[in-house]
Amino acid sequence: MKTSSGVSNLQVELHHVYLATNGAPALNIPVQFADEASKVFCAYRERYQFGASEMEAGCGNIYNSLGVLVGHISYNGRIWDANGNLVE
């Protein structure tokens, strides 16, 4: 990745993934790695059995410790950087 605050550098500082959908609690879960954020998102999706259309705005967003958006987890668990590029 390009920047020090990007998704690839989640191991440098603690980040959080925001999870929110209709009928489930909104959560900010601390994560250290992008793949960890994906696993947390997928577990939340499975636990609360929601579809993509039920996700609230920002669900799956990854923020750094300053609250800056650094990535996103899509409904299928894929990891995207803040510019919308797939992270592999």
N, C-alpha and C. Protein backbone atom coordinates (compact mmCIF):
# COMPACT_ATOMS: atom_id res chain seq x y z
N MET A 1 0.83 -1.18 0.00
CA MET A 1 0.00 0.00 0.00
C MET A 1 0.88 1.24 0.00
N LYS A 2 0.25 2.36 -0.22
CA LYS A 2 1.00 3.57 -0.46
C LYS A 2 1.32 4.41 0.78
N THR A 3 0.42 4.44 1.74
CA THR A 3 0.62 5.35 2.86
C THR A 3 0.82 4.61 4.17
N SER A 4 1.42 5.28 5.11
CA SER A 4 1.67 4.65 6.41
C SER A 4 0.39 4.44 7.20
N SER A 5 -0.69 5.12 6.86
CA SER A 5 -1.95 4.92 7.57
C SER A 5 -2.90 4.01 6.80
N GLY A 6 -2.40 3.34 5.76
CA GLY A 6 -3.23 2.50 4.92
C GLY A 6 -3.55 1.16 5.53
N VAL A 7 -4.37 0.41 4.83
CA VAL A 7 -4.82 -0.89 5.29
C VAL A 7 -3.66 -1.84 5.52
N SER A 8 -2.63 -1.79 4.70
CA SER A 8 -1.53 -2.74 4.83
C SER A 8 -0.75 -2.55 6.12
N ASN A 9 -0.87 -1.40 6.74
CA ASN A 9 -0.12 -1.13 7.96
C ASN A 9 -0.96 -1.23 9.23
N LEU A 10 -2.01 -2.02 9.18
CA LEU A 10 -2.84 -2.16 10.36
C LEU A 10 -2.05 -2.70 11.55
N GLN A 11 -0.96 -3.42 11.29
CA GLN A 11 -0.17 -3.98 12.38
C GLN A 11 0.61 -2.90 13.14
N VAL A 12 0.75 -1.71 12.58
CA VAL A 12 1.51 -0.64 13.21
C VAL A 12 0.72 0.01 14.35
N GLU A 13 -0.55 0.17 14.19
CA GLU A 13 -1.37 0.80 15.21
C GLU A 13 -2.72 0.10 15.26
N LEU A 14 -3.42 0.28 16.34
CA LEU A 14 -4.73 -0.34 16.48
C LEU A 14 -5.76 0.42 15.65
N HIS A 15 -6.55 -0.32 14.92
CA HIS A 15 -7.62 0.22 14.11
C HIS A 15 -8.93 -0.34 14.64
N HIS A 16 -10.04 0.07 14.03
CA HIS A 16 -11.31 -0.56 14.37
C HIS A 16 -12.17 -0.69 13.13
N VAL A 17 -12.98 -1.72 13.13
CA VAL A 17 -13.94 -1.94 12.06
C VAL A 17 -15.31 -1.63 12.63
N TYR A 18 -16.08 -0.84 11.88
CA TYR A 18 -17.42 -0.45 12.30
C TYR A 18 -18.42 -1.43 11.72
N LEU A 19 -19.30 -1.96 12.57
CA LEU A 19 -20.31 -2.93 12.16
C LEU A 19 -21.67 -2.43 12.59
N ALA A 20 -22.61 -2.36 11.65
CA ALA A 20 -23.96 -1.91 11.97
C ALA A 20 -24.93 -2.37 10.89
N THR A 21 -26.03 -2.93 11.33
CA THR A 21 -27.09 -3.37 10.43
C THR A 21 -28.42 -3.29 11.16
N ASN A 22 -29.49 -3.29 10.40
CA ASN A 22 -30.82 -3.27 11.00
C ASN A 22 -31.01 -4.50 11.88
N GLY A 23 -31.45 -4.30 13.10
CA GLY A 23 -31.75 -5.40 14.00
C GLY A 23 -30.57 -6.00 14.74
N ALA A 24 -29.42 -5.34 14.67
CA ALA A 24 -28.23 -5.84 15.38
C ALA A 24 -27.53 -4.64 16.02
N PRO A 25 -26.74 -4.90 17.06
CA PRO A 25 -26.04 -3.78 17.70
C PRO A 25 -24.96 -3.20 16.80
N ALA A 26 -24.79 -1.89 16.87
CA ALA A 26 -23.68 -1.23 16.18
C ALA A 26 -22.44 -1.40 17.05
N LEU A 27 -21.35 -1.84 16.43
CA LEU A 27 -20.13 -2.13 17.17
C LEU A 27 -18.92 -1.49 16.51
N ASN A 28 -17.93 -1.11 17.30
CA ASN A 28 -16.60 -0.73 16.85
C ASN A 28 -15.65 -1.76 17.44
N ILE A 29 -15.14 -2.65 16.60
CA ILE A 29 -14.31 -3.75 17.07
C ILE A 29 -12.84 -3.44 16.76
N PRO A 30 -11.99 -3.43 17.78
CA PRO A 30 -10.56 -3.20 17.53
C PRO A 30 -9.96 -4.35 16.72
N VAL A 31 -9.15 -4.01 15.75
CA VAL A 31 -8.45 -4.99 14.92
C VAL A 31 -7.03 -4.51 14.69
N GLN A 32 -6.17 -5.46 14.40
CA GLN A 32 -4.79 -5.11 14.13
C GLN A 32 -4.44 -5.32 12.66
N PHE A 33 -5.07 -6.30 12.02
CA PHE A 33 -4.75 -6.64 10.64
C PHE A 33 -6.00 -6.58 9.78
N ALA A 34 -5.83 -6.31 8.49
CA ALA A 34 -6.95 -6.24 7.57
C ALA A 34 -7.69 -7.56 7.48
N ASP A 35 -6.97 -8.68 7.45
CA ASP A 35 -7.66 -9.98 7.36
C ASP A 35 -8.44 -10.26 8.65
N GLU A 36 -7.99 -9.73 9.76
CA GLU A 36 -8.73 -9.86 11.01
C GLU A 36 -10.04 -9.07 10.92
N ALA A 37 -10.00 -7.89 10.31
CA ALA A 37 -11.21 -7.08 10.12
C ALA A 37 -12.21 -7.84 9.26
N SER A 38 -11.74 -8.51 8.24
CA SER A 38 -12.61 -9.30 7.37
C SER A 38 -13.25 -10.45 8.14
N LYS A 39 -12.48 -11.14 8.95
CA LYS A 39 -13.01 -12.25 9.74
C LYS A 39 -14.06 -11.76 10.74
N VAL A 40 -13.80 -10.63 11.37
CA VAL A 40 -14.75 -10.05 12.33
C VAL A 40 -16.05 -9.68 11.61
N PHE A 41 -15.91 -9.04 10.44
CA PHE A 41 -17.09 -8.66 9.67
C PHE A 41 -17.91 -9.89 9.29
N CYS A 42 -17.24 -10.92 8.78
CA CYS A 42 -17.94 -12.14 8.35
C CYS A 42 -18.63 -12.84 9.52
N ALA A 43 -17.99 -12.85 10.68
CA ALA A 43 -18.61 -13.45 11.86
C ALA A 43 -19.85 -12.66 12.27
N TYR A 44 -19.78 -11.34 12.20
CA TYR A 44 -20.94 -10.48 12.51
C TYR A 44 -22.07 -10.75 11.51
N ARG A 45 -21.73 -10.83 10.22
CA ARG A 45 -22.71 -11.10 9.18
C ARG A 45 -23.41 -12.44 9.42
N GLU A 46 -22.63 -13.47 9.76
CA GLU A 46 -23.19 -14.79 10.01
C GLU A 46 -24.02 -14.81 11.29
N ARG A 47 -23.55 -14.15 12.32
CA ARG A 47 -24.25 -14.13 13.60
C ARG A 47 -25.63 -13.49 13.48
N TYR A 48 -25.71 -12.36 12.75
CA TYR A 48 -26.96 -11.62 12.67
C TYR A 48 -27.74 -11.87 11.38
N GLN A 49 -27.22 -12.72 10.50
CA GLN A 49 -27.96 -13.18 9.31
C GLN A 49 -28.59 -12.03 8.52
N PHE A 50 -27.80 -11.05 8.12
CA PHE A 50 -28.33 -9.93 7.36
C PHE A 50 -27.83 -9.95 5.93
N GLY A 51 -28.59 -9.32 5.05
CA GLY A 51 -28.20 -9.17 3.66
C GLY A 51 -27.51 -7.84 3.44
N ALA A 52 -26.89 -7.70 2.28
CA ALA A 52 -26.16 -6.48 1.97
C ALA A 52 -27.06 -5.24 2.03
N SER A 53 -28.30 -5.38 1.63
CA SER A 53 -29.22 -4.24 1.62
C SER A 53 -29.60 -3.78 3.03
N GLU A 54 -29.34 -4.61 4.04
CA GLU A 54 -29.66 -4.26 5.41
C GLU A 54 -28.51 -3.58 6.16
N MET A 55 -27.34 -3.50 5.52
CA MET A 55 -26.19 -2.86 6.16
C MET A 55 -26.43 -1.36 6.28
N GLU A 56 -26.11 -0.81 7.43
CA GLU A 56 -26.20 0.63 7.61
C GLU A 56 -24.99 1.31 6.97
N ALA A 57 -25.12 2.58 6.70
CA ALA A 57 -24.01 3.35 6.10
C ALA A 57 -22.76 3.19 6.95
N GLY A 58 -21.66 2.89 6.32
CA GLY A 58 -20.38 2.76 7.02
C GLY A 58 -20.09 1.38 7.56
N CYS A 59 -21.04 0.46 7.50
CA CYS A 59 -20.80 -0.89 8.00
C CYS A 59 -19.67 -1.53 7.19
N GLY A 60 -18.67 -2.02 7.90
CA GLY A 60 -17.51 -2.62 7.26
C GLY A 60 -16.35 -1.65 7.08
N ASN A 61 -16.54 -0.39 7.42
CA ASN A 61 -15.45 0.58 7.30
C ASN A 61 -14.37 0.31 8.35
N ILE A 62 -13.14 0.48 7.94
CA ILE A 62 -11.99 0.35 8.84
C ILE A 62 -11.41 1.74 9.06
N TYR A 63 -11.25 2.11 10.32
CA TYR A 63 -10.72 3.43 10.67
C TYR A 63 -9.43 3.27 11.47
N ASN A 64 -8.51 4.23 11.29
CA ASN A 64 -7.30 4.20 12.11
C ASN A 64 -7.60 4.83 13.47
N SER A 65 -6.61 4.94 14.30
CA SER A 65 -6.81 5.45 15.67
C SER A 65 -7.22 6.92 15.71
N LEU A 66 -7.04 7.63 14.59
CA LEU A 66 -7.46 9.03 14.51
C LEU A 66 -8.86 9.18 13.92
N GLY A 67 -9.48 8.06 13.58
CA GLY A 67 -10.82 8.10 13.00
C GLY A 67 -10.84 8.31 11.50
N VAL A 68 -9.69 8.15 10.86
CA VAL A 68 -9.59 8.32 9.41
C VAL A 68 -9.89 6.99 8.73
N LEU A 69 -10.76 7.03 7.72
CA LEU A 69 -11.09 5.83 6.96
C LEU A 69 -9.85 5.34 6.21
N VAL A 70 -9.47 4.07 6.45
CA VAL A 70 -8.30 3.51 5.76
C VAL A 70 -8.67 2.30 4.91
N GLY A 71 -9.90 1.81 5.03
CA GLY A 71 -10.30 0.66 4.24
C GLY A 71 -11.75 0.31 4.46
N HIS A 72 -12.17 -0.75 3.79
CA HIS A 72 -13.56 -1.19 3.87
C HIS A 72 -13.62 -2.69 3.63
N ILE A 73 -14.51 -3.34 4.34
CA ILE A 73 -14.81 -4.75 4.10
C ILE A 73 -16.16 -4.81 3.41
N SER A 74 -16.21 -5.40 2.21
CA SER A 74 -17.48 -5.52 1.51
C SER A 74 -18.27 -6.70 2.04
N TYR A 75 -19.52 -6.80 1.65
CA TYR A 75 -20.43 -7.83 2.18
C TYR A 75 -19.85 -9.24 2.05
N ASN A 76 -19.12 -9.49 0.98
CA ASN A 76 -18.55 -10.82 0.75
C ASN A 76 -17.24 -11.05 1.50
N GLY A 77 -16.80 -10.08 2.29
CA GLY A 77 -15.58 -10.22 3.09
C GLY A 77 -14.32 -9.73 2.42
N ARG A 78 -14.44 -9.23 1.19
CA ARG A 78 -13.25 -8.70 0.51
C ARG A 78 -12.79 -7.41 1.17
N ILE A 79 -11.48 -7.20 1.10
CA ILE A 79 -10.85 -6.04 1.74
C ILE A 79 -10.50 -5.02 0.66
N TRP A 80 -10.88 -3.78 0.88
CA TRP A 80 -10.64 -2.68 -0.05
C TRP A 80 -9.91 -1.57 0.70
N ASP A 81 -9.00 -0.88 0.01
CA ASP A 81 -8.36 0.27 0.64
C ASP A 81 -9.28 1.47 0.57
N ALA A 82 -8.88 2.59 1.14
CA ALA A 82 -9.71 3.77 1.21
C ALA A 82 -10.01 4.36 -0.17
N ASN A 83 -9.21 3.99 -1.18
CA ASN A 83 -9.42 4.48 -2.54
C ASN A 83 -10.28 3.53 -3.36
N GLY A 84 -10.76 2.45 -2.75
CA GLY A 84 -11.62 1.52 -3.46
C GLY A 84 -10.88 0.44 -4.23
N ASN A 85 -9.58 0.28 -3.95
CA ASN A 85 -8.79 -0.75 -4.62
C ASN A 85 -8.79 -2.03 -3.79
N LEU A 86 -8.98 -3.16 -4.46
CA LEU A 86 -8.96 -4.45 -3.79
C LEU A 86 -7.60 -4.71 -3.19
N VAL A 87 -7.57 -5.13 -1.93
CA VAL A 87 -6.33 -5.47 -1.25
C VAL A 87 -6.19 -6.99 -1.29
N GLU A 88 -5.04 -7.44 -1.72
CA GLU A 88 -4.83 -8.90 -1.81
C GLU A 88 -3.82 -9.37 -0.81
